[in-house]
């Protein structure tokens, strides 16, 4: 279960403590490694770096046409500040610091969203796992061929969207059900069991699994 974070927010009738659920925060992929589980199994894991995050301001449906929270993301290794948005109906007071160690605990399951690695121009065998042609009867150059693409005489053309060779990667990819294996507030790092999309150093979006 994900614990709730208590934040102090001003309302017209005074100042109260209200309960709000923060379900998303930002991270940076450091590297992949291996880690032993409590059961003694050695599994692949990914170390994530969590930057400092502070609420800058809000976007509302009345004023901006959509609801979101704008967050100032501070890189731990540089002074560069980046503004990111999270689409949500939650209301947080500007200046509130988002503490990841109060949101995520060991054993929680999360979803990580990021941009996959770019692999340049790729054929259909690599891009879509095509089987390729047989290397028999002199067809030694057909092993990685995509095969026929036409639609017979009528309409006599290749339909748009057919899976063919082209640019591979640089897609938005989400991986669900990654288990939190370690939380290190001192070094602002989280270790997740499994692989996440993107290259080392790429920015990721971590969404908590709010269901029991």
C-alpha atoms as a PDB file:
ATOM      1  CA  UNK A   1       0.000   0.000   0.000  1.00  0.00           C
ATOM      2  CA  UNK A   2       1.084   3.542  -0.740  1.00  0.00           C
ATOM      3  CA  UNK A   3       1.046   5.804   2.302  1.00  0.00           C
ATOM      4  CA  UNK A   4      -0.674   9.150   2.060  1.00  0.00           C
ATOM      5  CA  UNK A   5       1.309  12.366   2.297  1.00  0.00           C
ATOM      6  CA  UNK A   6      -0.089  15.062   4.573  1.00  0.00           C
ATOM      7  CA  UNK A   7       0.363  18.600   3.254  1.00  0.00           C
ATOM      8  CA  UNK A   8      -0.597  21.934   4.755  1.00  0.00           C
ATOM      9  CA  UNK A   9      -2.847  23.973   2.461  1.00  0.00           C
ATOM     10  CA  UNK A  10      -4.618  27.295   2.922  1.00  0.00           C
ATOM     11  CA  UNK A  11      -8.331  27.467   2.190  1.00  0.00           C
ATOM     12  CA  UNK A  12     -10.782  30.425   2.519  1.00  0.00           C
ATOM     13  CA  UNK A  13     -12.025  29.322   5.927  1.00  0.00           C
ATOM     14  CA  UNK A  14      -8.543  29.032   7.404  1.00  0.00           C
ATOM     15  CA  UNK A  15      -5.564  26.706   7.403  1.00  0.00           C
ATOM     16  CA  UNK A  16      -6.089  22.963   7.633  1.00  0.00           C
ATOM     17  CA  UNK A  17      -4.188  19.753   7.206  1.00  0.00           C
ATOM     18  CA  UNK A  18      -5.620  17.912   4.217  1.00  0.00           C
ATOM     19  CA  UNK A  19      -4.811  14.469   2.859  1.00  0.00           C
ATOM     20  CA  UNK A  20      -3.580  14.378  -0.738  1.00  0.00           C
ATOM     21  CA  UNK A  21      -2.308  11.465  -2.777  1.00  0.00           C
ATOM     22  CA  UNK A  22       0.822  12.166  -4.801  1.00  0.00           C
ATOM     23  CA  UNK A  23       1.093   9.412  -7.361  1.00  0.00           C
ATOM     24  CA  UNK A  24       3.781  10.610  -9.797  1.00  0.00           C
ATOM     25  CA  UNK A  25       7.331  11.892  -9.555  1.00  0.00           C
ATOM     26  CA  UNK A  26      10.379  12.244 -11.775  1.00  0.00           C
ATOM     27  CA  UNK A  27      13.603  10.256 -11.846  1.00  0.00           C
ATOM     28  CA  UNK A  28      16.770   9.743 -13.861  1.00  0.00           C
ATOM     29  CA  UNK A  29      18.085   6.355 -14.914  1.00  0.00           C
ATOM     30  CA  UNK A  30      21.606   5.747 -13.573  1.00  0.00           C
ATOM     31  CA  UNK A  31      22.464   2.197 -14.629  1.00  0.00           C
ATOM     32  CA  UNK A  32      21.398  -1.430 -14.506  1.00  0.00           C
ATOM     33  CA  UNK A  33      22.875  -3.809 -11.994  1.00  0.00           C
ATOM     34  CA  UNK A  34      21.941  -6.952 -10.082  1.00  0.00           C
ATOM     35  CA  UNK A  35      20.539  -7.416  -6.612  1.00  0.00           C
ATOM     36  CA  UNK A  36      19.585 -10.313  -4.373  1.00  0.00           C
ATOM     37  CA  UNK A  37      16.011 -10.610  -3.201  1.00  0.00           C
ATOM     38  CA  UNK A  38      15.140 -11.644   0.380  1.00  0.00           C
ATOM     39  CA  UNK A  39      14.424 -15.112  -1.049  1.00  0.00           C
ATOM     40  CA  UNK A  40      18.009 -15.369  -2.308  1.00  0.00           C
ATOM     41  CA  UNK A  41      17.266 -14.891  -6.010  1.00  0.00           C
ATOM     42  CA  UNK A  42      19.618 -12.712  -8.081  1.00  0.00           C
ATOM     43  CA  UNK A  43      17.595 -10.427 -10.366  1.00  0.00           C
ATOM     44  CA  UNK A  44      18.388  -7.584 -12.710  1.00  0.00           C
ATOM     45  CA  UNK A  45      17.606  -4.155 -11.288  1.00  0.00           C
ATOM     46  CA  UNK A  46      17.813  -0.490 -12.246  1.00  0.00           C
ATOM     47  CA  UNK A  47      19.157   2.319 -10.070  1.00  0.00           C
ATOM     48  CA  UNK A  48      17.147   5.542 -10.361  1.00  0.00           C
ATOM     49  CA  UNK A  49      18.328   8.989  -9.247  1.00  0.00           C
ATOM     50  CA  UNK A  50      15.579  11.195  -7.763  1.00  0.00           C
ATOM     51  CA  UNK A  51      16.065  14.969  -8.181  1.00  0.00           C
ATOM     52  CA  UNK A  52      14.775  17.633  -5.812  1.00  0.00           C
ATOM     53  CA  UNK A  53      11.185  18.525  -6.696  1.00  0.00           C
ATOM     54  CA  UNK A  54       9.205  21.586  -5.614  1.00  0.00           C
ATOM     55  CA  UNK A  55       5.724  22.688  -6.689  1.00  0.00           C
ATOM     56  CA  UNK A  56       6.006  25.858  -8.787  1.00  0.00           C
ATOM     57  CA  UNK A  57       2.367  26.618  -9.573  1.00  0.00           C
ATOM     58  CA  UNK A  58      -0.871  25.079 -10.803  1.00  0.00           C
ATOM     59  CA  UNK A  59      -2.773  24.871 -14.063  1.00  0.00           C
ATOM     60  CA  UNK A  60      -6.575  24.961 -13.754  1.00  0.00           C
ATOM     61  CA  UNK A  61      -9.381  24.105 -16.143  1.00  0.00           C
ATOM     62  CA  UNK A  62     -10.963  27.514 -15.639  1.00  0.00           C
ATOM     63  CA  UNK A  63      -7.829  29.459 -16.565  1.00  0.00           C
ATOM     64  CA  UNK A  64      -5.762  27.116 -18.729  1.00  0.00           C
ATOM     65  CA  UNK A  65      -8.262  24.595 -20.026  1.00  0.00           C
ATOM     66  CA  UNK A  66      -6.685  21.653 -18.189  1.00  0.00           C
ATOM     67  CA  UNK A  67      -5.629  20.685 -14.675  1.00  0.00           C
ATOM     68  CA  UNK A  68      -1.957  20.070 -13.858  1.00  0.00           C
ATOM     69  CA  UNK A  69       0.808  20.707 -11.345  1.00  0.00           C
ATOM     70  CA  UNK A  70       3.988  22.401 -12.542  1.00  0.00           C
ATOM     71  CA  UNK A  71       7.068  21.133 -10.716  1.00  0.00           C
ATOM     72  CA  UNK A  72      10.579  22.570 -10.497  1.00  0.00           C
ATOM     73  CA  UNK A  73      13.002  19.682 -10.992  1.00  0.00           C
ATOM     74  CA  UNK A  74      16.525  20.331  -9.735  1.00  0.00           C
ATOM     75  CA  UNK A  75      19.314  18.065 -10.952  1.00  0.00           C
ATOM     76  CA  UNK A  76      21.496  16.746  -8.075  1.00  0.00           C
ATOM     77  CA  UNK A  77      24.707  17.225 -10.086  1.00  0.00           C
ATOM     78  CA  UNK A  78      24.028  20.629 -11.634  1.00  0.00           C
ATOM     79  CA  UNK A  79      22.266  23.897 -10.846  1.00  0.00           C
ATOM     80  CA  UNK A  80      20.078  23.679 -13.927  1.00  0.00           C
ATOM     81  CA  UNK A  81      16.374  23.897 -13.133  1.00  0.00           C
ATOM     82  CA  UNK A  82      13.734  22.276 -15.341  1.00  0.00           C
ATOM     83  CA  UNK A  83       9.974  22.837 -15.216  1.00  0.00           C
ATOM     84  CA  UNK A  84       7.825  19.745 -15.714  1.00  0.00           C
ATOM     85  CA  UNK A  85       4.065  19.198 -15.661  1.00  0.00           C
ATOM     86  CA  UNK A  86       1.995  16.396 -14.210  1.00  0.00           C
ATOM     87  CA  UNK A  87      -1.605  16.171 -15.385  1.00  0.00           C
ATOM     88  CA  UNK A  88      -3.688  15.753 -12.241  1.00  0.00           C
ATOM     89  CA  UNK A  89      -6.664  17.254 -10.419  1.00  0.00           C
ATOM     90  CA  UNK A  90      -4.725  17.389  -7.159  1.00  0.00           C
ATOM     91  CA  UNK A  91      -4.167  20.807  -5.552  1.00  0.00           C
ATOM     92  CA  UNK A  92      -0.820  21.524  -3.905  1.00  0.00           C
ATOM     93  CA  UNK A  93       0.394  24.781  -2.444  1.00  0.00           C
ATOM     94  CA  UNK A  94       3.253  26.389  -4.454  1.00  0.00           C
ATOM     95  CA  UNK A  95       6.581  25.875  -2.719  1.00  0.00           C
ATOM     96  CA  UNK A  96       5.668  22.436  -1.371  1.00  0.00           C
ATOM     97  CA  UNK A  97       8.602  20.034  -1.537  1.00  0.00           C
ATOM     98  CA  UNK A  98       7.800  16.565  -2.848  1.00  0.00           C
ATOM     99  CA  UNK A  99       9.712  14.011  -0.782  1.00  0.00           C
ATOM    100  CA  UNK A 100       9.939  10.725  -2.623  1.00  0.00           C
ATOM    101  CA  UNK A 101      10.944   8.773   0.506  1.00  0.00           C
ATOM    102  CA  UNK A 102       7.499   9.557   1.962  1.00  0.00           C
ATOM    103  CA  UNK A 103       5.748   8.302  -1.173  1.00  0.00           C
ATOM    104  CA  UNK A 104       7.429   5.050  -2.132  1.00  0.00           C
ATOM    105  CA  UNK A 105       8.377   2.155   0.135  1.00  0.00           C
ATOM    106  CA  UNK A 106      10.233  -1.118  -0.368  1.00  0.00           C
ATOM    107  CA  UNK A 107       7.838  -3.671  -1.824  1.00  0.00           C
ATOM    108  CA  UNK A 108       5.651  -1.152  -3.680  1.00  0.00           C
ATOM    109  CA  UNK A 109       4.985  -1.738  -7.356  1.00  0.00           C
ATOM    110  CA  UNK A 110       5.363   1.172  -9.770  1.00  0.00           C
ATOM    111  CA  UNK A 111       5.061   2.010 -13.454  1.00  0.00           C
ATOM    112  CA  UNK A 112       7.977   3.719 -15.222  1.00  0.00           C
ATOM    113  CA  UNK A 113       7.439   5.738 -18.397  1.00  0.00           C
ATOM    114  CA  UNK A 114      10.288   6.965 -20.577  1.00  0.00           C
ATOM    115  CA  UNK A 115      11.627   7.330 -24.112  1.00  0.00           C
ATOM    116  CA  UNK A 116      13.154   4.150 -25.515  1.00  0.00           C
ATOM    117  CA  UNK A 117      16.661   4.079 -26.974  1.00  0.00           C
ATOM    118  CA  UNK A 118      17.006   5.250 -30.577  1.00  0.00           C
ATOM    119  CA  UNK A 119      18.342   2.520 -32.870  1.00  0.00           C
ATOM    120  CA  UNK A 120      18.352   4.397 -36.165  1.00  0.00           C
ATOM    121  CA  UNK A 121      17.067   2.878 -39.415  1.00  0.00           C
ATOM    122  CA  UNK A 122      16.248  -0.797 -38.977  1.00  0.00           C
ATOM    123  CA  UNK A 123      14.834  -3.546 -41.138  1.00  0.00           C
ATOM    124  CA  UNK A 124      11.580  -5.369 -40.525  1.00  0.00           C
ATOM    125  CA  UNK A 125      13.320  -8.400 -38.989  1.00  0.00           C
ATOM    126  CA  UNK A 126      14.881  -6.318 -36.225  1.00  0.00           C
ATOM    127  CA  UNK A 127      12.095  -3.757 -35.934  1.00  0.00           C
ATOM    128  CA  UNK A 128       9.065  -6.073 -35.894  1.00  0.00           C
ATOM    129  CA  UNK A 129      10.615  -9.532 -35.343  1.00  0.00           C
ATOM    130  CA  UNK A 130       9.822 -10.766 -38.870  1.00  0.00           C
ATOM    131  CA  UNK A 131      10.983 -14.319 -39.568  1.00  0.00           C
ATOM    132  CA  UNK A 132      12.698 -13.526 -42.860  1.00  0.00           C
ATOM    133  CA  UNK A 133      12.992 -15.758 -45.908  1.00  0.00           C
ATOM    134  CA  UNK A 134      14.511 -19.253 -46.208  1.00  0.00           C
ATOM    135  CA  UNK A 135      18.164 -19.718 -47.179  1.00  0.00           C
ATOM    136  CA  UNK A 136      17.419 -22.497 -49.653  1.00  0.00           C
ATOM    137  CA  UNK A 137      17.481 -22.924 -53.425  1.00  0.00           C
ATOM    138  CA  UNK A 138      19.980 -20.135 -53.910  1.00  0.00           C
ATOM    139  CA  UNK A 139      18.144 -17.573 -51.732  1.00  0.00           C
ATOM    140  CA  UNK A 140      21.131 -16.810 -49.544  1.00  0.00           C
ATOM    141  CA  UNK A 141      20.321 -13.088 -49.609  1.00  0.00           C
ATOM    142  CA  UNK A 142      16.708 -13.440 -48.380  1.00  0.00           C
ATOM    143  CA  UNK A 143      17.338 -14.303 -44.741  1.00  0.00           C
ATOM    144  CA  UNK A 144      16.402 -10.821 -43.494  1.00  0.00           C
ATOM    145  CA  UNK A 145      13.995  -9.867 -46.266  1.00  0.00           C
ATOM    146  CA  UNK A 146      10.514  -8.666 -45.203  1.00  0.00           C
ATOM    147  CA  UNK A 147       8.649 -10.560 -47.900  1.00  0.00           C
ATOM    148  CA  UNK A 148       5.750  -9.503 -50.096  1.00  0.00           C
ATOM    149  CA  UNK A 149       4.012  -6.230 -49.243  1.00  0.00           C
ATOM    150  CA  UNK A 150       1.397  -5.965 -51.994  1.00  0.00           C
ATOM    151  CA  UNK A 151      -2.339  -6.645 -51.888  1.00  0.00           C
ATOM    152  CA  UNK A 152      -2.654  -8.560 -55.199  1.00  0.00           C
ATOM    153  CA  UNK A 153      -3.970  -6.788 -58.272  1.00  0.00           C
ATOM    154  CA  UNK A 154      -6.644  -4.888 -56.392  1.00  0.00           C
ATOM    155  CA  UNK A 155      -5.794  -2.350 -55.055  1.00  0.00           C
ATOM    156  CA  UNK A 156      -2.266  -3.118 -56.281  1.00  0.00           C
ATOM    157  CA  UNK A 157      -0.455  -1.058 -53.670  1.00  0.00           C
ATOM    158  CA  UNK A 158       0.896  -1.218 -50.127  1.00  0.00           C
ATOM    159  CA  UNK A 159      -1.523   0.067 -47.506  1.00  0.00           C
ATOM    160  CA  UNK A 160      -0.362   2.938 -45.255  1.00  0.00           C
ATOM    161  CA  UNK A 161       0.805   1.765 -41.846  1.00  0.00           C
ATOM    162  CA  UNK A 162       2.132  -1.578 -43.072  1.00  0.00           C
ATOM    163  CA  UNK A 163       5.003  -2.819 -40.915  1.00  0.00           C
ATOM    164  CA  UNK A 164       8.141  -2.232 -42.957  1.00  0.00           C
ATOM    165  CA  UNK A 165      11.702  -1.010 -42.442  1.00  0.00           C
ATOM    166  CA  UNK A 166      12.085   2.430 -40.867  1.00  0.00           C
ATOM    167  CA  UNK A 167      13.228   4.408 -37.863  1.00  0.00           C
ATOM    168  CA  UNK A 168      13.331   2.291 -34.715  1.00  0.00           C
ATOM    169  CA  UNK A 169      13.145   3.443 -31.114  1.00  0.00           C
ATOM    170  CA  UNK A 170      12.544   6.889 -29.555  1.00  0.00           C
ATOM    171  CA  UNK A 171       9.037   5.822 -28.547  1.00  0.00           C
ATOM    172  CA  UNK A 172       7.194   6.479 -25.303  1.00  0.00           C
ATOM    173  CA  UNK A 173       7.283   3.183 -23.429  1.00  0.00           C
ATOM    174  CA  UNK A 174       5.721   2.245 -20.083  1.00  0.00           C
ATOM    175  CA  UNK A 175       6.809  -0.724 -17.975  1.00  0.00           C
ATOM    176  CA  UNK A 176       4.329  -1.770 -15.284  1.00  0.00           C
ATOM    177  CA  UNK A 177       4.693  -3.819 -12.137  1.00  0.00           C
ATOM    178  CA  UNK A 178       8.305  -2.974 -11.266  1.00  0.00           C
ATOM    179  CA  UNK A 179       8.963  -3.763  -7.623  1.00  0.00           C
ATOM    180  CA  UNK A 180      10.790  -1.277  -5.411  1.00  0.00           C
ATOM    181  CA  UNK A 181      13.781  -3.145  -3.982  1.00  0.00           C
ATOM    182  CA  UNK A 182      15.606  -0.369  -2.148  1.00  0.00           C
ATOM    183  CA  UNK A 183      14.986   3.261  -1.114  1.00  0.00           C
ATOM    184  CA  UNK A 184      18.042   5.404  -0.253  1.00  0.00           C
ATOM    185  CA  UNK A 185      16.952   8.894   0.931  1.00  0.00           C
ATOM    186  CA  UNK A 186      20.536   9.949   1.779  1.00  0.00           C
ATOM    187  CA  UNK A 187      21.720   9.520  -1.817  1.00  0.00           C
ATOM    188  CA  UNK A 188      18.264  10.226  -3.312  1.00  0.00           C
ATOM    189  CA  UNK A 189      18.117   6.905  -5.123  1.00  0.00           C
ATOM    190  CA  UNK A 190      15.578   4.151  -5.691  1.00  0.00           C
ATOM    191  CA  UNK A 191      16.394   0.649  -6.939  1.00  0.00           C
ATOM    192  CA  UNK A 192      13.728  -1.080  -9.038  1.00  0.00           C
ATOM    193  CA  UNK A 193      13.606  -4.746  -9.934  1.00  0.00           C
ATOM    194  CA  UNK A 194      13.720  -5.117 -13.725  1.00  0.00           C
ATOM    195  CA  UNK A 195      14.641  -2.938 -16.699  1.00  0.00           C
ATOM    196  CA  UNK A 196      13.272   0.498 -17.566  1.00  0.00           C
ATOM    197  CA  UNK A 197      13.239   2.200 -20.986  1.00  0.00           C
ATOM    198  CA  UNK A 198      15.878   4.695 -22.092  1.00  0.00           C
ATOM    199  CA  UNK A 199      19.627   5.120 -21.924  1.00  0.00           C
ATOM    200  CA  UNK A 200      21.679   5.814 -18.795  1.00  0.00           C
ATOM    201  CA  UNK A 201      21.052   9.398 -17.763  1.00  0.00           C
ATOM    202  CA  UNK A 202      17.619   9.659 -19.403  1.00  0.00           C
ATOM    203  CA  UNK A 203      14.675  11.158 -17.532  1.00  0.00           C
ATOM    204  CA  UNK A 204      11.848   8.870 -16.440  1.00  0.00           C
ATOM    205  CA  UNK A 205       8.377   9.307 -14.972  1.00  0.00           C
ATOM    206  CA  UNK A 206       7.532   7.021 -12.042  1.00  0.00           C
ATOM    207  CA  UNK A 207       3.856   6.441 -11.252  1.00  0.00           C
ATOM    208  CA  UNK A 208       2.921   4.648  -8.038  1.00  0.00           C
ATOM    209  CA  UNK A 209       0.533   1.741  -8.134  1.00  0.00           C
ATOM    210  CA  UNK A 210      -2.235   3.237  -5.996  1.00  0.00           C
ATOM    211  CA  UNK A 211      -4.291   0.033  -5.969  1.00  0.00           C
ATOM    212  CA  UNK A 212      -4.031  -2.326  -2.950  1.00  0.00           C
END
